């Protein structure tokens, strides 16, 4: 099998970006739903000490592996950062993330 390099653009199914988290940046990946409008996208924002993830990804698995992970809903990167968190792993809680924070507040802690 030959795998060719692919360069993604906004219209493509996978979007990668660097987003501002305070004075730092984090890697962000969105896999657009093949179901189209009305179907949720798969989103992951990777910070220095852990990550924010959407509901498609498994919080229990993140807990099992000891990851500092925070569950946040949203259809795009801005919504994930603006919305309140829905859950977190023990490792994320130990870093200082608390219930009621937004995704951005949690990302600020995860990206220290």
Protein backbone atom coordinates (compact mmCIF):
# COMPACT_ATOMS: atom_id res chain seq x y z
CA UNK A 1 0.00 0.00 0.00
CA UNK A 2 1.21 3.49 -0.85
CA UNK A 3 0.17 6.37 1.37
CA UNK A 4 0.37 9.77 -0.27
CA UNK A 5 0.76 12.99 1.73
CA UNK A 6 -2.42 14.99 2.05
CA UNK A 7 -2.66 18.69 2.75
CA UNK A 8 -5.93 19.58 4.40
CA UNK A 9 -7.98 22.66 3.80
CA UNK A 10 -11.04 24.00 5.62
CA UNK A 11 -13.44 22.17 3.29
CA UNK A 12 -11.79 18.83 3.97
CA UNK A 13 -12.96 16.32 6.53
CA UNK A 14 -9.98 16.75 8.90
CA UNK A 15 -8.96 20.21 10.11
CA UNK A 16 -5.79 20.82 12.11
CA UNK A 17 -4.86 24.14 13.64
CA UNK A 18 -2.88 25.87 16.39
CA UNK A 19 -5.16 27.87 18.68
CA UNK A 20 -4.35 30.52 21.26
CA UNK A 21 -4.65 29.50 24.91
CA UNK A 22 -3.73 32.66 26.80
CA UNK A 23 -0.18 33.53 25.79
CA UNK A 24 0.53 29.97 24.58
CA UNK A 25 -0.85 27.77 21.81
CA UNK A 26 -2.33 24.29 21.61
CA UNK A 27 -2.79 21.82 18.79
CA UNK A 28 -6.37 21.33 17.67
CA UNK A 29 -7.89 18.60 15.50
CA UNK A 30 -11.45 18.41 14.20
CA UNK A 31 -12.84 15.51 12.19
CA UNK A 32 -15.96 16.76 10.47
CA UNK A 33 -18.87 14.39 10.66
CA UNK A 34 -19.53 12.59 7.39
CA UNK A 35 -23.23 12.87 8.35
CA UNK A 36 -23.12 16.57 7.53
CA UNK A 37 -25.17 19.37 9.06
CA UNK A 38 -26.63 18.51 12.45
CA UNK A 39 -24.14 15.74 13.20
CA UNK A 40 -21.44 16.47 15.80
CA UNK A 41 -17.78 16.76 14.89
CA UNK A 42 -14.99 14.91 16.68
CA UNK A 43 -12.76 17.48 18.41
CA UNK A 44 -9.51 17.23 20.37
CA UNK A 45 -7.43 20.13 21.71
CA UNK A 46 -4.00 18.92 22.81
CA UNK A 47 -2.34 20.95 25.57
CA UNK A 48 1.04 20.49 27.27
CA UNK A 49 -0.28 18.44 30.21
CA UNK A 50 -3.43 16.89 28.78
CA UNK A 51 -6.31 17.53 26.42
CA UNK A 52 -9.87 18.68 25.93
CA UNK A 53 -12.06 16.23 24.08
CA UNK A 54 -15.57 15.93 22.75
CA UNK A 55 -18.12 13.28 23.66
CA UNK A 56 -17.05 11.00 20.80
CA UNK A 57 -13.88 10.26 22.76
CA UNK A 58 -13.94 8.06 25.84
CA UNK A 59 -13.43 9.66 29.26
CA UNK A 60 -13.27 6.21 30.92
CA UNK A 61 -10.41 5.16 28.64
CA UNK A 62 -8.57 8.42 29.39
CA UNK A 63 -9.00 7.68 33.11
CA UNK A 64 -7.69 4.14 32.65
CA UNK A 65 -4.53 5.44 30.99
CA UNK A 66 -3.99 8.18 33.58
CA UNK A 67 -4.47 11.04 31.11
CA UNK A 68 -5.41 14.54 32.21
CA UNK A 69 -8.52 14.81 30.03
CA UNK A 70 -11.51 17.14 30.11
CA UNK A 71 -14.82 16.48 28.34
CA UNK A 72 -16.40 19.54 26.68
CA UNK A 73 -19.18 19.77 24.12
CA UNK A 74 -19.15 22.02 21.08
CA UNK A 75 -19.38 22.01 17.30
CA UNK A 76 -16.05 23.81 16.72
CA UNK A 77 -12.91 24.91 18.56
CA UNK A 78 -14.42 28.19 19.78
CA UNK A 79 -17.47 26.45 21.24
CA UNK A 80 -15.32 23.85 23.01
CA UNK A 81 -13.33 26.65 24.62
CA UNK A 82 -16.45 28.69 25.54
CA UNK A 83 -18.66 25.88 26.86
CA UNK A 84 -18.65 24.56 30.43
CA UNK A 85 -16.83 21.29 30.97
CA UNK A 86 -18.97 18.16 31.35
CA UNK A 87 -16.45 15.88 33.04
CA UNK A 88 -12.79 15.22 33.73
CA UNK A 89 -10.36 12.54 34.78
CA UNK A 90 -8.75 12.27 38.19
CA UNK A 91 -5.46 13.50 36.72
CA UNK A 92 -7.16 16.65 35.39
CA UNK A 93 -8.76 17.32 38.78
CA UNK A 94 -5.35 16.95 40.47
CA UNK A 95 -3.98 19.68 38.18
CA UNK A 96 -6.63 22.08 39.55
CA UNK A 97 -9.48 21.79 37.07
CA UNK A 98 -12.85 22.07 38.78
CA UNK A 99 -16.52 21.63 37.91
CA UNK A 100 -18.03 24.77 36.43
CA UNK A 101 -14.94 25.85 34.47
CA UNK A 102 -15.14 26.57 30.78
CA UNK A 103 -13.05 24.69 28.26
CA UNK A 104 -10.76 27.71 27.99
CA UNK A 105 -10.21 27.88 31.76
CA UNK A 106 -9.38 24.17 31.80
CA UNK A 107 -7.08 24.55 28.78
CA UNK A 108 -5.21 27.37 30.54
CA UNK A 109 -4.37 24.91 33.36
CA UNK A 110 -3.59 22.03 31.00
CA UNK A 111 -1.31 24.19 28.87
CA UNK A 112 0.94 25.54 31.65
